[in-house]
Amino acid sequence: MKTMFRIIQSIPSKKAEPFKQWLAKVGYERVQEIENPELAQKRMKELYQAKGYSEDWIEKRVRGIAIRDELTDEWRKRGLEKDLEYAILTAEISKATFGLTPSEYRKLKGLGKENLRDHMNDLELIFSMLGERVTTEITRNKDALGFIECESAALEGGEVAGNARKDAEKRIGKSIISKENYLEQPEKVRKLKEKKRT
């Protein structure tokens, strides 16, 4: 991507000028966001709104991102640096919380490389946040160092969220884990409900 942008910048043609202007605008916006991170959050919310997400869902998603960042920062402080280590620990939390790894969850929802959390409903997001937030607290309180100790904390954090999810499911009377994507077309959902009634 970076190389493509460099090529566009080097083209002397007037036809390339709109692309150059766009690149300059995007670059300027990113510099502003570095100086004021609230602008980046505002832009992210606007993107989700444009895709049709509700304000309530967006707030949960934004909070979930902050919780996730806090956890990965904690892991980094404790000697974990590789994306693979983060992926393994995330899978451990997810498996303990939902009984599914992120790749298994994506498959359940019929997703490819799309962001799984962008296709979760409110409760799925809440239990994801719970698993990661509890993992952060356990990691700190046990002063976990290195992969093995952080993995143990991840399993415990996921287990807390998993137990809470199972209890909620008993009380609600249905599974929180859903095949549905959050952004299903409302018309399609209505027609399916009508079809089930007949």
N, C-alpha and C. Protein backbone atom coordinates (compact mmCIF):
# COMPACT_ATOMS: atom_id res chain seq x y z
N MET A 1 0.83 -1.19 0.00
CA MET A 1 0.00 0.00 0.00
C MET A 1 0.87 1.25 0.00
N LYS A 2 1.89 1.24 0.86
CA LYS A 2 2.80 2.38 0.95
C LYS A 2 3.46 2.64 -0.40
N THR A 3 3.89 1.55 -1.08
CA THR A 3 4.55 1.68 -2.38
C THR A 3 3.60 2.26 -3.41
N MET A 4 2.33 1.83 -3.37
CA MET A 4 1.34 2.33 -4.31
C MET A 4 1.15 3.84 -4.13
N PHE A 5 1.09 4.29 -2.87
CA PHE A 5 0.95 5.72 -2.61
C PHE A 5 2.16 6.49 -3.13
N ARG A 6 3.35 5.93 -2.95
CA ARG A 6 4.57 6.58 -3.44
C ARG A 6 4.55 6.71 -4.96
N ILE A 7 4.06 5.67 -5.63
CA ILE A 7 3.97 5.70 -7.10
C ILE A 7 3.02 6.79 -7.54
N ILE A 8 1.85 6.88 -6.88
CA ILE A 8 0.87 7.93 -7.22
C ILE A 8 1.49 9.31 -7.04
N GLN A 9 2.23 9.51 -5.95
CA GLN A 9 2.86 10.81 -5.69
C GLN A 9 3.87 11.18 -6.78
N SER A 10 4.52 10.18 -7.38
CA SER A 10 5.58 10.46 -8.35
C SER A 10 5.06 10.67 -9.78
N ILE A 11 3.78 10.40 -10.02
CA ILE A 11 3.23 10.55 -11.38
C ILE A 11 3.06 12.04 -11.69
N PRO A 12 3.67 12.51 -12.81
CA PRO A 12 3.59 13.94 -13.15
C PRO A 12 2.27 14.34 -13.82
N SER A 13 1.44 13.41 -14.20
CA SER A 13 0.20 13.68 -14.92
C SER A 13 -0.81 14.47 -14.08
N LYS A 14 -1.58 15.36 -14.77
CA LYS A 14 -2.63 16.12 -14.10
C LYS A 14 -3.77 15.20 -13.63
N LYS A 15 -3.90 14.04 -14.29
CA LYS A 15 -4.95 13.09 -13.91
C LYS A 15 -4.69 12.49 -12.52
N ALA A 16 -3.44 12.50 -12.12
CA ALA A 16 -3.08 11.96 -10.80
C ALA A 16 -3.31 12.98 -9.69
N GLU A 17 -3.57 14.24 -10.05
CA GLU A 17 -3.70 15.31 -9.06
C GLU A 17 -4.80 15.06 -8.02
N PRO A 18 -5.99 14.57 -8.43
CA PRO A 18 -7.02 14.30 -7.41
C PRO A 18 -6.57 13.27 -6.36
N PHE A 19 -5.82 12.26 -6.81
CA PHE A 19 -5.30 11.26 -5.87
C PHE A 19 -4.27 11.88 -4.94
N LYS A 20 -3.44 12.77 -5.48
CA LYS A 20 -2.43 13.44 -4.66
C LYS A 20 -3.10 14.32 -3.61
N GLN A 21 -4.16 15.02 -4.02
CA GLN A 21 -4.90 15.87 -3.08
C GLN A 21 -5.52 15.02 -1.97
N TRP A 22 -6.07 13.87 -2.37
CA TRP A 22 -6.68 12.98 -1.39
C TRP A 22 -5.63 12.46 -0.41
N LEU A 23 -4.45 12.08 -0.93
CA LEU A 23 -3.37 11.61 -0.06
C LEU A 23 -2.94 12.69 0.92
N ALA A 24 -2.84 13.91 0.42
CA ALA A 24 -2.44 15.03 1.29
C ALA A 24 -3.48 15.23 2.40
N LYS A 25 -4.77 15.15 2.03
CA LYS A 25 -5.85 15.32 3.01
C LYS A 25 -5.80 14.22 4.07
N VAL A 26 -5.65 12.96 3.64
CA VAL A 26 -5.60 11.83 4.57
C VAL A 26 -4.39 11.96 5.49
N GLY A 27 -3.23 12.34 4.91
CA GLY A 27 -2.02 12.54 5.71
C GLY A 27 -2.20 13.63 6.76
N TYR A 28 -2.83 14.74 6.35
CA TYR A 28 -3.09 15.84 7.28
C TYR A 28 -4.01 15.40 8.42
N GLU A 29 -5.07 14.62 8.06
CA GLU A 29 -6.00 14.14 9.08
C GLU A 29 -5.30 13.23 10.10
N ARG A 30 -4.40 12.37 9.60
CA ARG A 30 -3.68 11.45 10.51
C ARG A 30 -2.76 12.21 11.45
N VAL A 31 -2.12 13.27 10.95
CA VAL A 31 -1.25 14.09 11.80
C VAL A 31 -2.10 14.77 12.88
N GLN A 32 -3.28 15.27 12.50
CA GLN A 32 -4.19 15.87 13.48
C GLN A 32 -4.60 14.85 14.55
N GLU A 33 -4.86 13.60 14.12
CA GLU A 33 -5.28 12.56 15.06
C GLU A 33 -4.15 12.18 16.02
N ILE A 34 -2.91 12.28 15.56
CA ILE A 34 -1.77 12.01 16.45
C ILE A 34 -1.70 13.08 17.52
N GLU A 35 -1.96 14.33 17.12
CA GLU A 35 -1.93 15.45 18.08
C GLU A 35 -3.14 15.43 19.00
N ASN A 36 -4.29 14.93 18.50
CA ASN A 36 -5.52 14.89 19.28
C ASN A 36 -6.24 13.56 19.02
N PRO A 37 -5.94 12.52 19.83
CA PRO A 37 -6.52 11.19 19.61
C PRO A 37 -8.05 11.14 19.61
N GLU A 38 -8.70 12.14 20.23
CA GLU A 38 -10.16 12.17 20.22
C GLU A 38 -10.71 12.27 18.80
N LEU A 39 -9.94 12.90 17.90
CA LEU A 39 -10.36 13.01 16.50
C LEU A 39 -10.41 11.64 15.84
N ALA A 40 -9.45 10.77 16.18
CA ALA A 40 -9.42 9.42 15.62
C ALA A 40 -10.65 8.64 16.09
N GLN A 41 -11.00 8.81 17.37
CA GLN A 41 -12.16 8.11 17.91
C GLN A 41 -13.44 8.62 17.25
N LYS A 42 -13.51 9.92 17.02
CA LYS A 42 -14.68 10.52 16.36
C LYS A 42 -14.82 9.97 14.94
N ARG A 43 -13.69 9.88 14.23
CA ARG A 43 -13.70 9.37 12.85
C ARG A 43 -14.15 7.90 12.85
N MET A 44 -13.67 7.11 13.81
CA MET A 44 -14.04 5.71 13.89
C MET A 44 -15.55 5.58 14.11
N LYS A 45 -16.10 6.40 15.02
CA LYS A 45 -17.54 6.36 15.29
C LYS A 45 -18.33 6.71 14.03
N GLU A 46 -17.86 7.70 13.30
CA GLU A 46 -18.55 8.10 12.07
C GLU A 46 -18.54 6.98 11.03
N LEU A 47 -17.43 6.24 10.96
CA LEU A 47 -17.35 5.11 10.02
C LEU A 47 -18.35 4.03 10.40
N TYR A 48 -18.45 3.71 11.70
CA TYR A 48 -19.43 2.71 12.14
C TYR A 48 -20.85 3.18 11.89
N GLN A 49 -21.14 4.47 12.13
CA GLN A 49 -22.47 5.01 11.87
C GLN A 49 -22.83 4.88 10.40
N ALA A 50 -21.86 5.17 9.53
CA ALA A 50 -22.09 5.08 8.09
C ALA A 50 -22.40 3.65 7.65
N LYS A 51 -21.89 2.68 8.41
CA LYS A 51 -22.16 1.27 8.10
C LYS A 51 -23.49 0.79 8.67
N GLY A 52 -24.14 1.64 9.46
CA GLY A 52 -25.47 1.31 9.98
C GLY A 52 -25.53 0.82 11.41
N TYR A 53 -24.44 0.93 12.15
CA TYR A 53 -24.44 0.50 13.55
C TYR A 53 -25.15 1.53 14.42
N SER A 54 -25.78 1.06 15.49
CA SER A 54 -26.47 1.96 16.43
C SER A 54 -25.44 2.65 17.34
N GLU A 55 -25.85 3.78 17.91
CA GLU A 55 -25.00 4.52 18.84
C GLU A 55 -24.61 3.64 20.03
N ASP A 56 -25.58 2.90 20.54
CA ASP A 56 -25.36 2.04 21.70
C ASP A 56 -24.30 0.98 21.40
N TRP A 57 -24.42 0.36 20.23
CA TRP A 57 -23.44 -0.67 19.82
C TRP A 57 -22.06 -0.05 19.67
N ILE A 58 -22.00 1.12 19.03
CA ILE A 58 -20.71 1.80 18.79
C ILE A 58 -20.01 2.09 20.11
N GLU A 59 -20.76 2.55 21.12
CA GLU A 59 -20.16 2.83 22.42
C GLU A 59 -19.53 1.58 23.02
N LYS A 60 -20.22 0.45 22.90
CA LYS A 60 -19.66 -0.81 23.41
C LYS A 60 -18.40 -1.20 22.64
N ARG A 61 -18.46 -1.03 21.33
CA ARG A 61 -17.31 -1.41 20.48
C ARG A 61 -16.10 -0.57 20.82
N VAL A 62 -16.30 0.73 20.98
CA VAL A 62 -15.20 1.65 21.32
C VAL A 62 -14.62 1.29 22.68
N ARG A 63 -15.49 1.00 23.64
CA ARG A 63 -15.03 0.60 24.98
C ARG A 63 -14.25 -0.71 24.90
N GLY A 64 -14.73 -1.63 24.08
CA GLY A 64 -14.04 -2.90 23.89
C GLY A 64 -12.64 -2.74 23.32
N ILE A 65 -12.49 -1.80 22.40
CA ILE A 65 -11.18 -1.53 21.81
C ILE A 65 -10.23 -1.00 22.88
N ALA A 66 -10.73 -0.10 23.74
CA ALA A 66 -9.90 0.45 24.82
C ALA A 66 -9.47 -0.66 25.79
N ILE A 67 -10.39 -1.55 26.12
CA ILE A 67 -10.07 -2.66 27.03
C ILE A 67 -9.03 -3.58 26.39
N ARG A 68 -9.21 -3.86 25.11
CA ARG A 68 -8.25 -4.71 24.38
C ARG A 68 -6.86 -4.06 24.36
N ASP A 69 -6.81 -2.76 24.08
CA ASP A 69 -5.52 -2.05 24.04
C ASP A 69 -4.82 -2.09 25.41
N GLU A 70 -5.61 -1.94 26.46
CA GLU A 70 -5.04 -1.98 27.82
C GLU A 70 -4.43 -3.36 28.10
N LEU A 71 -5.11 -4.41 27.64
CA LEU A 71 -4.60 -5.77 27.84
C LEU A 71 -3.31 -6.00 27.05
N THR A 72 -3.30 -5.62 25.78
CA THR A 72 -2.08 -5.85 24.97
C THR A 72 -0.92 -4.99 25.48
N ASP A 73 -1.21 -3.80 26.00
CA ASP A 73 -0.16 -2.98 26.62
C ASP A 73 0.42 -3.70 27.83
N GLU A 74 -0.45 -4.32 28.61
CA GLU A 74 -0.01 -5.07 29.80
C GLU A 74 0.87 -6.25 29.39
N TRP A 75 0.45 -6.96 28.35
CA TRP A 75 1.25 -8.08 27.85
C TRP A 75 2.63 -7.61 27.39
N ARG A 76 2.65 -6.47 26.72
CA ARG A 76 3.92 -5.93 26.20
C ARG A 76 4.87 -5.62 27.36
N LYS A 77 4.32 -5.03 28.42
CA LYS A 77 5.14 -4.69 29.60
C LYS A 77 5.72 -5.94 30.26
N ARG A 78 5.07 -7.08 30.03
CA ARG A 78 5.45 -8.31 30.71
C ARG A 78 6.23 -9.26 29.81
N GLY A 79 6.81 -8.70 28.76
CA GLY A 79 7.75 -9.46 27.94
C GLY A 79 7.18 -10.12 26.70
N LEU A 80 5.90 -9.91 26.39
CA LEU A 80 5.32 -10.48 25.18
C LEU A 80 5.38 -9.43 24.07
N GLU A 81 5.88 -9.83 22.93
CA GLU A 81 6.03 -8.86 21.84
C GLU A 81 5.47 -9.36 20.52
N LYS A 82 5.42 -10.65 20.34
CA LYS A 82 5.05 -11.21 19.03
C LYS A 82 3.54 -11.26 18.86
N ASP A 83 3.09 -10.95 17.63
CA ASP A 83 1.66 -11.03 17.31
C ASP A 83 1.13 -12.44 17.54
N LEU A 84 1.97 -13.44 17.27
CA LEU A 84 1.56 -14.83 17.45
C LEU A 84 1.22 -15.11 18.92
N GLU A 85 2.01 -14.56 19.84
CA GLU A 85 1.74 -14.76 21.27
C GLU A 85 0.40 -14.10 21.64
N TYR A 86 0.16 -12.90 21.12
CA TYR A 86 -1.10 -12.22 21.39
C TYR A 86 -2.27 -13.04 20.85
N ALA A 87 -2.09 -13.59 19.64
CA ALA A 87 -3.15 -14.38 19.01
C ALA A 87 -3.46 -15.63 19.82
N ILE A 88 -2.42 -16.29 20.34
CA ILE A 88 -2.62 -17.51 21.14
C ILE A 88 -3.36 -17.17 22.43
N LEU A 89 -2.95 -16.10 23.11
CA LEU A 89 -3.61 -15.73 24.36
C LEU A 89 -5.05 -15.27 24.13
N THR A 90 -5.28 -14.55 23.04
CA THR A 90 -6.63 -14.12 22.69
C THR A 90 -7.52 -15.34 22.43
N ALA A 91 -6.96 -16.33 21.75
CA ALA A 91 -7.71 -17.56 21.47
C ALA A 91 -8.04 -18.30 22.77
N GLU A 92 -7.11 -18.26 23.72
CA GLU A 92 -7.35 -18.91 25.03
C GLU A 92 -8.51 -18.23 25.77
N ILE A 93 -8.51 -16.90 25.76
CA ILE A 93 -9.59 -16.15 26.42
C ILE A 93 -10.92 -16.46 25.74
N SER A 94 -10.94 -16.41 24.42
CA SER A 94 -12.16 -16.65 23.66
C SER A 94 -12.69 -18.07 23.89
N LYS A 95 -11.79 -19.04 23.86
CA LYS A 95 -12.19 -20.45 24.06
C LYS A 95 -12.81 -20.64 25.45
N ALA A 96 -12.20 -20.02 26.46
CA ALA A 96 -12.73 -20.14 27.82
C ALA A 96 -14.04 -19.36 28.00
N THR A 97 -14.17 -18.25 27.27
CA THR A 97 -15.38 -17.41 27.38
C THR A 97 -16.55 -18.01 26.61
N PHE A 98 -16.29 -18.39 25.35
CA PHE A 98 -17.37 -18.81 24.45
C PHE A 98 -17.34 -20.29 24.05
N GLY A 99 -16.22 -20.97 24.38
CA GLY A 99 -16.08 -22.35 23.91
C GLY A 99 -15.62 -22.41 22.47
N LEU A 100 -15.23 -21.26 21.91
CA LEU A 100 -14.79 -21.16 20.52
C LEU A 100 -13.57 -20.26 20.43
N THR A 101 -12.61 -20.63 19.59
CA THR A 101 -11.51 -19.72 19.29
C THR A 101 -12.04 -18.66 18.32
N PRO A 102 -11.33 -17.55 18.13
CA PRO A 102 -11.82 -16.55 17.17
C PRO A 102 -12.02 -17.11 15.76
N SER A 103 -11.14 -18.00 15.30
CA SER A 103 -11.30 -18.55 13.95
C SER A 103 -12.55 -19.46 13.88
N GLU A 104 -12.82 -20.20 14.95
CA GLU A 104 -14.03 -21.03 15.00
C GLU A 104 -15.28 -20.15 15.05
N TYR A 105 -15.17 -19.05 15.77
CA TYR A 105 -16.30 -18.11 15.88
C TYR A 105 -16.60 -17.47 14.53
N ARG A 106 -15.53 -17.08 13.81
CA ARG A 106 -15.69 -16.50 12.47
C ARG A 106 -16.41 -17.49 11.55
N LYS A 107 -15.99 -18.74 11.64
CA LYS A 107 -16.59 -19.78 10.80
C LYS A 107 -18.07 -19.95 11.13
N LEU A 108 -18.40 -19.94 12.42
CA LEU A 108 -19.80 -20.05 12.86
C LEU A 108 -20.65 -18.93 12.26
N LYS A 109 -20.08 -17.72 12.20
CA LYS A 109 -20.81 -16.57 11.68
C LYS A 109 -20.71 -16.43 10.16
N GLY A 110 -19.96 -17.34 9.53
CA GLY A 110 -19.83 -17.29 8.07
C GLY A 110 -18.96 -16.15 7.59
N LEU A 111 -17.96 -15.79 8.39
CA LEU A 111 -17.07 -14.67 8.04
C LEU A 111 -15.78 -15.18 7.43
N GLY A 112 -15.15 -14.33 6.65
CA GLY A 112 -13.82 -14.63 6.12
C GLY A 112 -12.79 -13.94 7.00
N LYS A 113 -12.18 -12.89 6.45
CA LYS A 113 -11.16 -12.16 7.22
C LYS A 113 -11.73 -10.93 7.90
N GLU A 114 -13.05 -10.76 7.85
CA GLU A 114 -13.66 -9.61 8.50
C GLU A 114 -13.38 -9.65 10.00
N ASN A 115 -13.43 -8.47 10.61
CA ASN A 115 -13.21 -8.38 12.05
C ASN A 115 -14.39 -9.02 12.77
N LEU A 116 -14.11 -10.05 13.54
CA LEU A 116 -15.16 -10.79 14.25
C LEU A 116 -16.00 -9.89 15.14
N ARG A 117 -15.35 -9.00 15.88
CA ARG A 117 -16.10 -8.18 16.84
C ARG A 117 -17.04 -7.20 16.16
N ASP A 118 -16.74 -6.84 14.93
CA ASP A 118 -17.65 -5.96 14.18
C ASP A 118 -18.94 -6.69 13.81
N HIS A 119 -18.96 -8.00 14.01
CA HIS A 119 -20.14 -8.79 13.67
C HIS A 119 -20.76 -9.45 14.90
N MET A 120 -20.37 -8.98 16.08
CA MET A 120 -20.96 -9.49 17.32
C MET A 120 -22.13 -8.61 17.75
N ASN A 121 -23.06 -9.22 18.46
CA ASN A 121 -24.15 -8.42 19.02
C ASN A 121 -23.70 -7.86 20.38
N ASP A 122 -24.58 -7.12 21.03
CA ASP A 122 -24.22 -6.45 22.28
C ASP A 122 -23.69 -7.41 23.34
N LEU A 123 -24.40 -8.50 23.57
CA LEU A 123 -23.98 -9.43 24.63
C LEU A 123 -22.66 -10.12 24.30
N GLU A 124 -22.46 -10.45 23.05
CA GLU A 124 -21.18 -11.07 22.66
C GLU A 124 -20.03 -10.09 22.93
N LEU A 125 -20.25 -8.83 22.60
CA LEU A 125 -19.23 -7.81 22.86
C LEU A 125 -18.97 -7.66 24.36
N ILE A 126 -20.03 -7.65 25.15
CA ILE A 126 -19.91 -7.48 26.60
C ILE A 126 -19.10 -8.61 27.22
N PHE A 127 -19.37 -9.84 26.83
CA PHE A 127 -18.63 -10.96 27.41
C PHE A 127 -17.19 -11.03 26.89
N SER A 128 -16.96 -10.56 25.67
CA SER A 128 -15.57 -10.43 25.18
C SER A 128 -14.80 -9.44 26.04
N MET A 129 -15.45 -8.30 26.31
CA MET A 129 -14.82 -7.28 27.16
C MET A 129 -14.55 -7.81 28.56
N LEU A 130 -15.53 -8.54 29.11
CA LEU A 130 -15.37 -9.07 30.46
C LEU A 130 -14.16 -10.00 30.54
N GLY A 131 -14.04 -10.92 29.59
CA GLY A 131 -12.89 -11.84 29.58
C GLY A 131 -11.56 -11.12 29.52
N GLU A 132 -11.48 -10.09 28.68
CA GLU A 132 -10.22 -9.37 28.52
C GLU A 132 -9.94 -8.45 29.71
N ARG A 133 -10.98 -7.85 30.26
CA ARG A 133 -10.77 -6.94 31.40
C ARG A 133 -10.34 -7.72 32.64
N VAL A 134 -10.97 -8.86 32.89
CA VAL A 134 -10.60 -9.69 34.04
C VAL A 134 -9.19 -10.24 33.85
N THR A 135 -8.86 -10.61 32.61
CA THR A 135 -7.50 -11.10 32.33
C THR A 135 -6.47 -10.03 32.67
N THR A 136 -6.75 -8.77 32.32
CA THR A 136 -5.83 -7.67 32.63
C THR A 136 -5.62 -7.57 34.14
N GLU A 137 -6.73 -7.62 34.90
CA GLU A 137 -6.63 -7.51 36.37
C GLU A 137 -5.86 -8.67 36.98
N ILE A 138 -6.14 -9.89 36.50
CA ILE A 138 -5.43 -11.07 37.03
C ILE A 138 -3.95 -10.98 36.70
N THR A 139 -3.64 -10.56 35.48
CA THR A 139 -2.24 -10.41 35.05
C THR A 139 -1.50 -9.45 35.96
N ARG A 140 -2.14 -8.32 36.27
CA ARG A 140 -1.51 -7.33 37.15
C ARG A 140 -1.39 -7.83 38.59
N ASN A 141 -2.48 -8.37 39.11
CA ASN A 141 -2.49 -8.79 40.51
C ASN A 141 -1.53 -9.94 40.79
N LYS A 142 -1.35 -10.81 39.81
CA LYS A 142 -0.42 -11.94 39.99
C LYS A 142 1.00 -11.56 39.54
N ASP A 143 1.12 -10.33 39.00
CA ASP A 143 2.40 -9.87 38.47
C ASP A 143 2.99 -10.91 37.50
N ALA A 144 2.13 -11.37 36.59
CA ALA A 144 2.53 -12.40 35.62
C ALA A 144 3.64 -11.88 34.73
N LEU A 145 4.63 -12.73 34.49
CA LEU A 145 5.75 -12.39 33.61
C LEU A 145 5.94 -13.48 32.58
N GLY A 146 6.18 -13.10 31.35
CA GLY A 146 6.43 -14.07 30.30
C GLY A 146 5.16 -14.74 29.81
N PHE A 147 5.32 -15.53 28.77
CA PHE A 147 4.17 -16.13 28.09
C PHE A 147 3.39 -17.11 28.98
N ILE A 148 4.06 -18.00 29.66
CA ILE A 148 3.39 -19.06 30.43
C ILE A 148 2.51 -18.46 31.52
N GLU A 149 3.04 -17.50 32.27
CA GLU A 149 2.24 -16.89 33.34
C GLU A 149 1.09 -16.06 32.79
N CYS A 150 1.33 -15.37 31.68
CA CYS A 150 0.26 -14.59 31.05
C CYS A 150 -0.81 -15.50 30.46
N GLU A 151 -0.40 -16.66 29.98
CA GLU A 151 -1.37 -17.63 29.46
C GLU A 151 -2.27 -18.14 30.59
N SER A 152 -1.69 -18.39 31.73
CA SER A 152 -2.46 -18.84 32.89
C SER A 152 -3.50 -17.78 33.28
N ALA A 153 -3.08 -16.51 33.28
CA ALA A 153 -4.01 -15.40 33.60
C ALA A 153 -5.11 -15.31 32.54
N ALA A 154 -4.75 -15.52 31.27
CA ALA A 154 -5.74 -15.47 30.19
C ALA A 154 -6.80 -16.56 30.35
N LEU A 155 -6.34 -17.75 30.71
CA LEU A 155 -7.29 -18.86 30.93
C LEU A 155 -8.24 -18.55 32.09
N GLU A 156 -7.69 -17.97 33.16
CA GLU A 156 -8.53 -17.62 34.32
C GLU A 156 -9.53 -16.51 33.97
N GLY A 157 -9.05 -15.49 33.26
CA GLY A 157 -9.94 -14.39 32.87
C GLY A 157 -11.06 -14.87 31.97
N GLY A 158 -10.71 -15.73 31.01
CA GLY A 158 -11.72 -16.29 30.12
C GLY A 158 -12.71 -17.17 30.85
N GLU A 159 -12.21 -17.89 31.85
CA GLU A 159 -13.08 -18.78 32.64
C GLU A 159 -14.11 -17.97 33.42
N VAL A 160 -13.69 -16.84 33.99
CA VAL A 160 -14.63 -15.97 34.71
C VAL A 160 -15.74 -15.52 33.77
N ALA A 161 -15.35 -15.05 32.57
CA ALA A 161 -16.34 -14.59 31.59
C ALA A 161 -17.21 -15.75 31.10
N GLY A 162 -16.59 -16.92 30.92
CA GLY A 162 -17.35 -18.10 30.48
C GLY A 162 -18.39 -18.53 31.49
N ASN A 163 -18.03 -18.52 32.77
CA ASN A 163 -18.99 -18.86 33.83
C ASN A 163 -20.13 -17.86 33.89
N ALA A 164 -19.79 -16.57 33.73
CA ALA A 164 -20.82 -15.52 33.74
C ALA A 164 -21.75 -15.69 32.53
N ARG A 165 -21.17 -16.02 31.37
CA ARG A 165 -21.98 -16.22 30.16
C ARG A 165 -22.95 -17.39 30.36
N LYS A 166 -22.45 -18.50 30.89
CA LYS A 166 -23.31 -19.68 31.10
C LYS A 166 -24.45 -19.36 32.08
N ASP A 167 -24.13 -18.61 33.12
CA ASP A 167 -25.16 -18.22 34.09
C ASP A 167 -26.20 -17.32 33.42
N ALA A 168 -25.73 -16.37 32.63
CA ALA A 168 -26.65 -15.47 31.91
C ALA A 168 -27.54 -16.26 30.96
N GLU A 169 -26.97 -17.23 30.26
CA GLU A 169 -27.75 -18.04 29.31
C GLU A 169 -28.86 -18.82 30.02
N LYS A 170 -28.54 -19.34 31.21
CA LYS A 170 -29.56 -20.07 31.98
C LYS A 170 -30.72 -19.15 32.33
N ARG A 171 -30.38 -17.93 32.73
CA ARG A 171 -31.42 -16.99 33.16
C ARG A 171 -32.19 -16.40 31.98
N ILE A 172 -31.48 -16.17 30.88
CA ILE A 172 -32.13 -15.63 29.67
C ILE A 172 -32.95 -16.70 28.97
N GLY A 173 -32.44 -17.94 29.02
CA GLY A 173 -33.14 -19.04 28.37
C GLY A 173 -32.70 -19.29 26.94
N LYS A 174 -31.58 -18.72 26.53
CA LYS A 174 -31.05 -18.99 25.19
C LYS A 174 -29.55 -18.70 25.15
N SER A 175 -28.91 -19.19 24.11
CA SER A 175 -27.47 -19.01 23.97
C SER A 175 -27.12 -17.57 23.60
N ILE A 176 -26.04 -17.09 24.16
CA ILE A 176 -25.52 -15.76 23.81
C ILE A 176 -24.71 -15.84 22.53
N ILE A 177 -24.12 -17.01 22.30
CA ILE A 177 -23.32 -17.23 21.08
C ILE A 177 -24.27 -17.32 19.90
N SER A 178 -24.04 -16.47 18.91
CA SER A 178 -24.98 -16.36 17.80
C SER A 178 -24.29 -16.54 16.45
N LYS A 179 -24.98 -17.22 15.54
CA LYS A 179 -24.49 -17.35 14.16
C LYS A 179 -24.68 -16.05 13.39
N GLU A 180 -25.63 -15.25 13.86
CA GLU A 180 -25.99 -14.04 13.12
C GLU A 180 -24.92 -12.97 13.22
N ASN A 181 -24.82 -12.19 12.15
CA ASN A 181 -23.96 -11.02 12.15
C ASN A 181 -24.77 -9.86 12.69
N TYR A 182 -24.10 -8.95 13.35
CA TYR A 182 -24.82 -7.81 13.94
C TYR A 182 -25.55 -7.00 12.88
N LEU A 183 -24.96 -6.87 11.71
CA LEU A 183 -25.53 -6.00 10.69
C LEU A 183 -26.37 -6.74 9.66
N GLU A 184 -27.21 -7.65 10.11
CA GLU A 184 -28.12 -8.28 9.16
C GLU A 184 -29.11 -7.23 8.66
N GLN A 185 -29.57 -7.42 7.42
CA GLN A 185 -30.53 -6.47 6.86
C GLN A 185 -31.86 -6.62 7.60
N PRO A 186 -32.40 -5.52 8.14
CA PRO A 186 -33.66 -5.60 8.89
C PRO A 186 -34.79 -6.23 8.08
N GLU A 187 -34.87 -5.95 6.77
CA GLU A 187 -35.92 -6.49 5.92
C GLU A 187 -35.82 -8.01 5.83
N LYS A 188 -34.60 -8.50 5.71
CA LYS A 188 -34.35 -9.94 5.64
C LYS A 188 -34.78 -10.62 6.93
N VAL A 189 -34.45 -10.01 8.07
CA VAL A 189 -34.82 -10.56 9.38
C VAL A 189 -36.34 -10.59 9.51
N ARG A 190 -37.02 -9.52 9.11
CA ARG A 190 -38.48 -9.46 9.19
C ARG A 190 -39.13 -10.56 8.36
N LYS A 191 -38.63 -10.77 7.13
CA LYS A 191 -39.19 -11.81 6.25
C LYS A 191 -38.98 -13.20 6.84
N LEU A 192 -37.82 -13.44 7.44
CA LEU A 192 -37.55 -14.75 8.06
C LEU A 192 -38.51 -15.01 9.21
N LYS A 193 -38.77 -13.97 10.03
CA LYS A 193 -39.69 -14.10 11.16
C LYS A 193 -41.11 -14.40 10.68
N GLU A 194 -41.52 -13.71 9.59
CA GLU A 194 -42.85 -13.93 9.04
C GLU A 194 -42.98 -15.35 8.48
N LYS A 195 -41.91 -15.82 7.86
CA LYS A 195 -41.90 -17.17 7.28
C LYS A 195 -42.03 -18.23 8.37
N LYS A 196 -41.37 -18.01 9.50
CA LYS A 196 -41.43 -18.95 10.63
C LYS A 196 -42.83 -19.03 11.21
N ARG A 197 -43.56 -17.90 11.20
CA ARG A 197 -44.91 -17.86 11.76
C ARG A 197 -45.90 -18.66 10.92
N THR A 198 -45.65 -18.72 9.57
CA THR A 198 -46.59 -19.40 8.68
C THR A 198 -46.30 -20.87 8.51
